[in-house]
Amino acid sequence: MKKIIFSAAAFAVVAVSTAVVAPTTSEAVPAFARQTGAACASCHFQAFPTLTSFGAAFKHGAFTDVGEQALTEDDGLSITSVLNMSINSRIRFIKEQTTTVTGGVNASATLNMLQMPDETPVFIGGRIGTNTGAFFEYTGGVAGGWQLFNSFDAGDYKVGLNMFNGGFGWTWGLETSNVYSQHGGMHQGKNIAAEEQVMAAANGNQGVTAYIANDLIAASVVLTTDGGNGLNGANALTTLIPGLRVWFTPEVAGWNLGMGVGVIKGSKAVAATGTGAATTTVQANNTFVDFQAMGEVGDMSVGIFADYATAKATAAVGLISLNSLTAGQKYDGYSVRTSIEPVHGVIMSLGYGSQTIAVAASPDQNTTWVTTGISYSIYQNFEVALTHQIQSINNNGNVAGDTSKVKTTMLQVEAVM
């Protein structure tokens, strides 16, 4: 298996060397690029999936903007002449080294994996009508998602409504921050984000988001619950928890800034089918703040991303936590990371994250992450990336003295068609 890892590293060197002399073009043609006629770099900062202000505006407008792509139109009909879709294929070589101390006993293990493909999500999205659009990501599991947008002009603002179900967290109905969730995935950066750790329920989130947005602010009100089928069918509508998300995006001295807050809090009991005592409690209690800055230093593109989050779950019957916690847990965490593009198409990143999970009558569990990454975009839709992450846990399992450390090195080849 060592030969596989060495071969993977050799492949990375060859791929990057080849890419330096290969033409970097605007040949990226995922679903939205086909519809708008705009290059992927128009919507994505440095690399997919981080968003630019143009990409955020496209989302505010319910994915309805069209470039030169032909439309099929009639009275009450305005759709693209073709169904716009993409397939994302990822091949990964992973080496994972784990060391643990349990009850004073040391143990270690090494896992070498070739995942080919690791994931092949299918994206379908775009215009359904003049004011309506949709986005669908199928992964075969909770990690995907579904959105149905409606957006209307109100002066300089977009006002909209989005019904959603997916694994990207309770704010996904209108989330354009690059700190975490769907748009924080460059170099696995979202893995260390504090909010990412408590963003979604185990089965994802479903709900509805009402919003108002322009190029300076996006404010949304969310009603959300567990995305699975464990809520006795129609009773899911009685367990919607309210949340508020506000995101400011001013431009200062040529830098595109983002700063915001999210708050969700509530507890709803679910009765057994028909009548009877509560059998499940859906609960959320989460507050976070996040920040990003995207700009240039000399000829280098630079991104800075940070967040802080807190959450807790009280004891409840059959708890379904929308913040990925078990009964009685309290969470606090923060993260900061940066990405730079010193040479066109080459991106390097460095990040640090920390979290504490407290449980009554048990030691606090403290976890830290350190991540580094480097990638090259051979095309805007074809990338080779090498990342390394060290995760350290003290009081592993909330038992005093227990620890674990996981070192993960991953070479990923990603293509979006």
Protein backbone atom coordinates (compact mmCIF):
# COMPACT_ATOMS: atom_id res chain seq x y z
CA MET A 1 0.00 0.00 0.00
CA LYS A 2 2.99 2.27 0.57
CA LYS A 3 3.61 2.06 -3.15
CA ILE A 4 0.15 3.49 -3.74
CA ILE A 5 0.85 6.46 -1.49
CA PHE A 6 4.24 7.08 -3.10
CA SER A 7 2.66 6.75 -6.54
CA ALA A 8 -0.01 9.23 -5.51
CA ALA A 9 2.61 11.74 -4.43
CA ALA A 10 4.48 11.21 -7.69
CA PHE A 11 1.28 11.73 -9.62
CA ALA A 12 0.70 15.01 -7.78
CA VAL A 13 4.16 16.26 -8.74
CA VAL A 14 3.68 15.28 -12.37
CA ALA A 15 0.18 16.74 -12.50
CA VAL A 16 1.24 20.07 -11.03
CA SER A 17 4.35 20.21 -13.23
CA THR A 18 2.23 19.55 -16.29
CA ALA A 19 -0.36 22.09 -15.19
CA VAL A 20 2.23 24.87 -14.94
CA VAL A 21 2.75 24.73 -18.69
CA ALA A 22 -0.80 23.73 -19.58
CA PRO A 23 -3.27 26.39 -20.77
CA THR A 24 -5.54 27.48 -17.92
CA THR A 25 -8.75 28.34 -19.72
CA SER A 26 -12.36 29.16 -18.99
CA GLU A 27 -13.53 25.78 -20.19
CA ALA A 28 -15.40 25.04 -16.96
CA VAL A 29 -18.96 24.07 -17.86
CA PRO A 30 -20.88 22.98 -14.74
CA ALA A 31 -24.64 23.46 -14.61
CA PHE A 32 -24.73 27.17 -13.75
CA ALA A 33 -21.85 28.07 -16.07
CA ARG A 34 -23.81 26.57 -18.96
CA GLN A 35 -26.88 28.61 -18.09
CA THR A 36 -25.19 31.97 -17.44
CA GLY A 37 -22.38 31.72 -19.99
CA ALA A 38 -20.03 32.99 -17.25
CA ALA A 39 -16.78 31.26 -16.32
CA CYS A 40 -16.64 29.34 -13.04
CA ALA A 41 -14.21 31.97 -11.72
CA SER A 42 -16.98 34.57 -11.99
CA CYS A 43 -18.94 32.90 -9.17
CA HIS A 44 -16.11 31.26 -7.21
CA PHE A 45 -13.27 32.96 -5.32
CA GLN A 46 -9.88 31.27 -5.89
CA ALA A 47 -11.52 27.87 -6.45
CA PHE A 48 -14.80 25.97 -6.18
CA PRO A 49 -16.83 26.04 -3.92
CA THR A 50 -16.07 29.46 -2.33
CA LEU A 51 -18.34 32.26 -3.57
CA THR A 52 -17.64 35.70 -4.98
CA SER A 53 -20.13 38.56 -4.64
CA PHE A 54 -21.32 37.71 -8.17
CA GLY A 55 -21.99 34.13 -7.10
CA ALA A 56 -23.88 35.33 -4.04
CA ALA A 57 -26.04 37.63 -6.17
CA PHE A 58 -26.84 34.74 -8.51
CA LYS A 59 -28.08 32.77 -5.50
CA HIS A 60 -30.12 35.74 -4.21
CA GLY A 61 -31.83 35.78 -7.59
CA ALA A 62 -32.92 32.13 -7.25
CA PHE A 63 -30.47 30.84 -9.90
CA THR A 64 -32.61 32.37 -12.67
CA ASP A 65 -30.13 34.60 -14.55
CA VAL A 66 -29.44 33.46 -18.09
CA GLY A 67 -26.68 34.48 -20.49
CA GLU A 68 -26.78 33.47 -24.12
CA GLN A 69 -28.39 30.10 -23.50
CA ALA A 70 -31.63 29.71 -25.43
CA LEU A 71 -34.93 29.81 -23.59
CA THR A 72 -38.17 28.02 -24.27
CA GLU A 73 -40.86 30.60 -23.55
CA ASP A 74 -44.61 30.90 -23.77
CA ASP A 75 -47.41 32.35 -21.71
CA GLY A 76 -46.47 31.30 -18.17
CA LEU A 77 -43.32 29.48 -19.35
CA SER A 78 -39.67 30.54 -19.29
CA ILE A 79 -37.15 27.72 -18.98
CA THR A 80 -33.75 26.96 -20.47
CA SER A 81 -33.88 24.92 -23.65
CA VAL A 82 -31.74 22.20 -22.05
CA LEU A 83 -31.56 20.71 -18.57
CA ASN A 84 -28.39 22.04 -16.97
CA MET A 85 -26.52 19.49 -14.88
CA SER A 86 -23.02 18.56 -13.76
CA ILE A 87 -21.23 15.56 -12.34
CA ASN A 88 -18.46 16.00 -9.80
CA SER A 89 -15.97 13.14 -9.63
CA ARG A 90 -13.36 12.90 -6.88
CA ILE A 91 -10.52 10.40 -6.62
CA ARG A 92 -8.72 10.31 -3.27
CA PHE A 93 -5.56 8.70 -1.91
CA ILE A 94 -5.69 8.88 1.91
CA LYS A 95 -3.23 7.92 4.61
CA GLU A 96 -4.64 8.09 8.14
CA GLN A 97 -2.51 7.52 11.24
CA THR A 98 -4.30 7.23 14.61
CA THR A 99 -2.73 7.07 18.06
CA THR A 100 -4.81 6.70 21.22
CA VAL A 101 -4.38 6.45 24.97
CA THR A 102 -7.26 4.61 26.64
CA GLY A 103 -7.03 3.76 30.33
CA GLY A 104 -3.30 4.36 30.20
CA VAL A 105 -2.81 1.91 27.30
CA ASN A 106 -1.25 3.22 24.08
CA ALA A 107 -2.43 2.03 20.68
CA SER A 108 -1.82 3.04 17.09
CA ALA A 109 -3.16 2.19 13.66
CA THR A 110 -2.50 3.22 10.07
CA LEU A 111 -5.11 3.15 7.34
CA ASN A 112 -4.25 3.56 3.64
CA MET A 113 -7.18 4.10 1.31
CA LEU A 114 -7.75 4.50 -2.39
CA GLN A 115 -11.21 5.92 -3.01
CA MET A 116 -11.98 5.91 -6.73
CA PRO A 117 -14.32 7.60 -6.93
CA ASP A 118 -14.77 8.89 -3.40
CA GLU A 119 -17.91 10.80 -4.33
CA THR A 120 -19.76 11.39 -7.56
CA PRO A 121 -22.43 13.94 -6.71
CA VAL A 122 -24.82 14.97 -9.45
CA PHE A 123 -25.83 18.64 -9.62
CA ILE A 124 -28.97 19.80 -11.39
CA GLY A 125 -29.99 23.42 -11.12
CA GLY A 126 -31.13 26.63 -12.67
CA ARG A 127 -34.15 28.39 -14.02
CA ILE A 128 -37.67 27.03 -13.62
CA GLY A 129 -39.39 30.30 -14.45
CA THR A 130 -38.86 34.05 -14.50
CA ASN A 131 -38.65 34.25 -10.70
CA THR A 132 -38.15 30.61 -9.73
CA GLY A 133 -35.12 28.36 -9.66
CA ALA A 134 -33.94 25.12 -8.13
CA PHE A 135 -30.79 23.38 -7.01
CA PHE A 136 -30.45 19.65 -6.50
CA GLU A 137 -27.34 17.80 -5.32
CA TYR A 138 -27.61 14.03 -5.18
CA THR A 139 -24.93 12.14 -3.26
CA GLY A 140 -26.92 9.13 -2.16
CA GLY A 141 -26.87 10.33 1.45
CA VAL A 142 -27.48 13.20 3.87
CA ALA A 143 -24.58 15.21 2.42
CA GLY A 144 -26.65 16.24 -0.60
CA GLY A 145 -29.50 18.66 -0.77
CA TRP A 146 -32.55 20.10 -2.48
CA GLN A 147 -33.74 23.71 -2.83
CA LEU A 148 -36.70 25.38 -4.51
CA PHE A 149 -36.27 29.17 -4.73
CA ASN A 150 -38.61 32.05 -5.49
CA SER A 151 -37.10 35.54 -5.75
CA PHE A 152 -38.60 38.93 -6.64
CA ASP A 153 -37.24 42.45 -7.09
CA ALA A 154 -38.14 45.00 -4.42
CA GLY A 155 -36.29 48.17 -5.35
CA ASP A 156 -32.58 47.45 -4.89
CA TYR A 157 -33.33 44.25 -2.98
CA LYS A 158 -34.17 40.66 -3.77
CA VAL A 159 -36.97 39.25 -1.64
CA GLY A 160 -37.40 35.52 -1.68
CA LEU A 161 -38.61 32.26 -0.25
CA ASN A 162 -36.70 28.99 -0.35
CA MET A 163 -37.88 25.52 0.64
CA PHE A 164 -34.95 23.22 1.35
CA ASN A 165 -33.80 19.85 2.63
CA GLY A 166 -30.13 18.96 2.89
CA GLY A 167 -27.06 18.24 4.92
CA PHE A 168 -25.50 21.70 4.82
CA GLY A 169 -27.00 23.11 8.00
CA TRP A 170 -29.96 25.13 9.21
CA THR A 171 -28.88 28.32 7.37
CA TRP A 172 -28.60 26.63 3.97
CA GLY A 173 -31.80 28.27 2.71
CA LEU A 174 -29.71 31.36 2.00
CA GLU A 175 -26.08 30.83 2.96
CA THR A 176 -23.33 32.65 1.06
CA SER A 177 -20.55 32.70 3.68
CA ASN A 178 -17.35 30.89 2.71
CA VAL A 179 -16.42 30.10 6.31
CA TYR A 180 -18.26 26.79 6.67
CA SER A 181 -20.95 24.57 5.20
CA GLN A 182 -21.31 24.12 1.44
CA HIS A 183 -19.09 27.06 0.44
CA GLY A 184 -16.30 26.43 2.96
CA GLY A 185 -15.05 23.21 1.41
CA MET A 186 -11.85 24.37 -0.28
CA HIS A 187 -8.94 22.27 1.07
CA GLN A 188 -11.38 20.68 3.54
CA GLY A 189 -11.43 24.04 5.34
CA LYS A 190 -14.96 23.66 6.64
CA ASN A 191 -13.84 20.60 8.62
CA ILE A 192 -12.23 22.85 11.24
CA ALA A 193 -14.93 25.54 11.30
CA ALA A 194 -16.62 25.85 14.69
CA GLU A 195 -20.05 26.28 13.18
CA GLU A 196 -19.58 23.21 10.97
CA GLN A 197 -19.35 21.02 14.07
CA VAL A 198 -22.87 21.98 15.21
CA MET A 199 -24.44 23.09 11.93
CA ALA A 200 -26.72 20.22 11.03
CA ALA A 201 -28.91 17.53 12.55
CA ALA A 202 -27.83 13.93 12.04
CA ASN A 203 -30.40 13.57 9.24
CA GLY A 204 -29.79 17.04 7.83
CA ASN A 205 -32.27 19.89 7.96
CA GLN A 206 -35.51 20.62 6.18
CA GLY A 207 -37.51 23.80 6.30
CA VAL A 208 -38.26 27.13 4.68
CA THR A 209 -36.30 30.39 4.53
CA ALA A 210 -37.67 33.87 3.86
CA TYR A 211 -35.04 36.45 2.96
CA ILE A 212 -34.19 39.94 1.76
CA ALA A 213 -30.80 40.62 0.19
CA ASN A 214 -28.72 42.96 -1.91
CA ASP A 215 -24.97 43.48 -2.45
CA LEU A 216 -24.55 44.78 1.12
CA ILE A 217 -26.74 42.62 3.35
CA ALA A 218 -28.58 39.32 3.37
CA ALA A 219 -31.06 38.71 6.18
CA SER A 220 -33.11 35.55 6.48
CA VAL A 221 -35.66 34.03 8.83
CA VAL A 222 -35.64 30.22 8.97
CA LEU A 223 -38.14 27.63 10.14
CA THR A 224 -36.36 24.28 10.24
CA THR A 225 -36.47 20.79 11.69
CA ASP A 226 -34.79 17.41 11.28
CA GLY A 227 -34.41 16.33 7.69
CA GLY A 228 -35.12 12.64 8.28
CA ASN A 229 -38.26 10.56 8.61
CA GLY A 230 -38.20 10.12 12.38
CA LEU A 231 -40.84 12.74 13.17
CA ASN A 232 -44.00 10.68 12.71
CA GLY A 233 -44.81 11.99 9.28
CA ALA A 234 -47.04 15.08 9.34
CA ASN A 235 -45.92 15.95 12.87
CA ALA A 236 -42.72 17.34 11.33
CA LEU A 237 -44.63 20.57 10.67
CA THR A 238 -45.21 21.01 14.40
CA THR A 239 -41.48 20.84 15.17
CA LEU A 240 -40.22 23.76 13.07
CA ILE A 241 -37.69 25.79 15.08
CA PRO A 242 -37.16 29.51 14.26
CA GLY A 243 -33.74 30.88 13.37
CA LEU A 244 -32.28 34.21 12.20
CA ARG A 245 -29.25 34.72 9.95
CA VAL A 246 -27.77 38.15 9.05
CA TRP A 247 -24.74 38.55 6.76
CA PHE A 248 -23.14 41.93 5.86
CA THR A 249 -20.85 42.18 2.82
CA PRO A 250 -19.27 45.65 2.59
CA GLU A 251 -16.31 46.49 0.36
CA VAL A 252 -13.48 48.28 2.16
CA ALA A 253 -10.27 49.45 0.46
CA GLY A 254 -10.78 46.98 -2.37
CA TRP A 255 -11.43 44.04 -0.03
CA ASN A 256 -14.72 42.15 -0.09
CA LEU A 257 -15.64 41.63 3.55
CA GLY A 258 -18.25 39.42 5.14
CA MET A 259 -19.42 39.46 8.74
CA GLY A 260 -22.50 38.01 10.28
CA VAL A 261 -24.39 36.27 13.03
CA GLY A 262 -26.78 33.34 13.27
CA VAL A 263 -29.15 32.46 16.10
CA ILE A 264 -31.53 29.52 16.42
CA LYS A 265 -33.34 28.48 19.59
CA GLY A 266 -36.37 26.39 20.41
CA SER A 267 -37.72 23.07 21.64
CA LYS A 268 -40.74 21.21 20.27
CA ALA A 269 -42.21 17.96 21.56
CA VAL A 270 -43.53 15.37 19.12
CA ALA A 271 -46.48 13.24 20.18
CA ALA A 272 -46.98 9.69 19.03
CA THR A 273 -49.17 9.30 15.96
CA GLY A 274 -52.65 10.40 16.96
CA THR A 275 -52.61 11.43 20.63
CA GLY A 276 -50.50 10.63 23.62
CA ALA A 277 -47.42 11.69 25.52
CA ALA A 278 -44.40 13.17 23.78
CA THR A 279 -42.09 10.52 22.36
CA THR A 280 -39.47 12.79 20.77
CA THR A 281 -38.18 16.31 21.36
CA VAL A 282 -36.68 18.38 18.54
CA GLN A 283 -34.33 20.98 19.95
CA ALA A 284 -31.92 23.71 18.80
CA ASN A 285 -29.86 26.24 20.75
CA ASN A 286 -27.02 27.69 18.70
CA THR A 287 -25.41 31.11 18.23
CA PHE A 288 -22.47 31.86 15.95
CA VAL A 289 -20.55 34.76 14.43
CA ASP A 290 -18.38 34.54 11.33
CA PHE A 291 -16.04 36.75 9.31
CA GLN A 292 -14.30 36.65 5.97
CA ALA A 293 -12.07 38.98 3.95
CA MET A 294 -11.19 38.41 0.30
CA GLY A 295 -8.82 40.68 -1.58
CA GLU A 296 -5.30 41.13 -2.92
CA VAL A 297 -1.89 41.78 -1.41
CA GLY A 298 0.41 42.79 -4.23
CA ASP A 299 -0.26 40.28 -6.99
CA MET A 300 -1.53 37.62 -4.59
CA SER A 301 -5.16 36.75 -3.97
CA VAL A 302 -5.78 36.34 -0.22
CA GLY A 303 -8.71 34.96 1.76
CA ILE A 304 -9.18 35.08 5.54
CA PHE A 305 -11.99 33.12 7.27
CA ALA A 306 -12.92 32.86 10.96
CA ASP A 307 -15.84 31.95 13.20
CA TYR A 308 -16.98 31.35 16.76
CA ALA A 309 -19.93 29.17 17.76
CA THR A 310 -21.69 28.04 20.89
CA ALA A 311 -24.50 25.50 21.31
CA LYS A 312 -26.10 23.31 23.93
CA ALA A 313 -28.66 20.55 24.31
CA THR A 314 -30.69 20.04 27.46
CA ALA A 315 -31.88 16.64 28.61
CA ALA A 316 -35.05 15.63 26.77
CA VAL A 317 -37.08 12.55 25.86
CA GLY A 318 -35.85 10.99 22.61
CA LEU A 319 -33.77 14.08 21.78
CA ILE A 320 -33.28 15.09 18.15
CA SER A 321 -30.71 17.89 18.29
CA LEU A 322 -30.53 20.19 15.28
CA ASN A 323 -26.98 21.03 16.46
CA SER A 324 -25.46 17.52 16.43
CA LEU A 325 -25.26 17.29 20.24
CA THR A 326 -26.39 14.67 22.72
CA ALA A 327 -28.48 15.45 25.79
CA GLY A 328 -26.68 17.63 28.33
CA GLN A 329 -23.79 18.65 26.07
CA LYS A 330 -22.52 22.23 25.79
CA TYR A 331 -20.28 23.26 22.91
CA ASP A 332 -17.89 26.20 22.37
CA GLY A 333 -15.49 26.52 19.46
CA TYR A 334 -13.62 28.83 17.11
CA SER A 335 -11.54 28.61 13.95
CA VAL A 336 -9.36 30.74 11.71
CA ARG A 337 -7.78 29.94 8.36
CA THR A 338 -6.24 31.70 5.41
CA SER A 339 -5.71 30.90 1.73
CA ILE A 340 -3.35 32.61 -0.69
CA GLU A 341 -2.81 32.34 -4.44
CA PRO A 342 0.87 33.28 -4.98
CA VAL A 343 0.86 32.07 -8.58
CA HIS A 344 -2.16 31.87 -10.86
CA GLY A 345 -4.02 28.65 -10.14
CA VAL A 346 -1.84 27.63 -7.18
CA ILE A 347 -3.58 27.96 -3.80
CA MET A 348 -2.01 27.36 -0.39
CA SER A 349 -3.92 27.31 2.90
CA LEU A 350 -3.35 27.10 6.63
CA GLY A 351 -6.00 26.72 9.34
CA TYR A 352 -6.53 26.15 13.05
CA GLY A 353 -9.67 25.14 14.91
CA SER A 354 -10.52 24.47 18.54
CA GLN A 355 -13.60 23.22 20.36
CA THR A 356 -14.70 22.20 23.84
CA ILE A 357 -17.62 19.90 24.60
CA ALA A 358 -18.72 19.89 28.23
CA VAL A 359 -20.90 17.26 29.83
CA ALA A 360 -22.07 17.28 33.46
CA ALA A 361 -20.03 15.01 35.77
CA SER A 362 -17.48 14.30 33.01
CA PRO A 363 -14.20 15.96 32.00
CA ASP A 364 -14.44 18.46 29.16
CA GLN A 365 -13.47 17.10 25.76
CA ASN A 366 -11.05 19.45 23.98
CA THR A 367 -10.34 19.06 20.27
CA THR A 368 -7.95 20.99 18.04
CA TRP A 369 -7.30 20.83 14.30
CA VAL A 370 -4.36 22.06 12.26
CA THR A 371 -4.72 21.89 8.49
CA THR A 372 -2.47 22.74 5.57
CA GLY A 373 -3.18 22.44 1.87
CA ILE A 374 -1.91 23.16 -1.62
CA SER A 375 -3.73 22.78 -4.92
CA TYR A 376 -3.45 23.60 -8.59
CA SER A 377 -6.36 24.23 -10.92
CA ILE A 378 -5.38 22.72 -14.24
CA TYR A 379 -8.66 24.11 -15.53
CA GLN A 380 -11.33 25.95 -13.59
CA ASN A 381 -13.17 22.66 -13.30
CA PHE A 382 -10.19 20.29 -12.82
CA GLU A 383 -8.05 20.45 -9.68
CA VAL A 384 -5.34 18.47 -7.92
CA ALA A 385 -5.08 19.12 -4.16
CA LEU A 386 -2.86 17.82 -1.37
CA THR A 387 -4.03 18.41 2.22
CA HIS A 388 -2.77 17.43 5.68
CA GLN A 389 -4.76 17.59 8.91
CA ILE A 390 -3.85 16.83 12.52
CA GLN A 391 -6.77 16.33 14.91
CA SER A 392 -5.96 16.09 18.61
CA ILE A 393 -8.54 15.14 21.27
CA ASN A 394 -7.91 15.36 25.02
CA ASN A 395 -10.21 13.43 27.34
CA ASN A 396 -11.31 11.30 24.44
CA GLY A 397 -14.67 9.77 25.35
CA ASN A 398 -14.81 12.27 28.25
CA VAL A 399 -12.61 9.98 30.37
CA ALA A 400 -9.77 11.74 32.22
CA GLY A 401 -6.40 10.90 30.71
CA ASP A 402 -7.76 9.45 27.47
CA THR A 403 -6.46 11.10 24.30
CA SER A 404 -6.32 10.54 20.56
CA LYS A 405 -4.50 12.06 17.62
CA VAL A 406 -5.39 11.52 13.97
CA LYS A 407 -3.06 12.59 11.15
CA THR A 408 -4.71 12.54 7.72
CA THR A 409 -2.87 13.15 4.45
CA MET A 410 -5.06 13.27 1.35
CA LEU A 411 -4.34 13.66 -2.33
CA GLN A 412 -7.51 14.53 -4.23
CA VAL A 413 -8.12 14.79 -7.95
CA GLU A 414 -11.41 16.53 -8.64
CA ALA A 415 -13.16 17.11 -11.95
CA VAL A 416 -16.52 18.80 -12.55
CA MET A 417 -18.14 18.12 -15.91
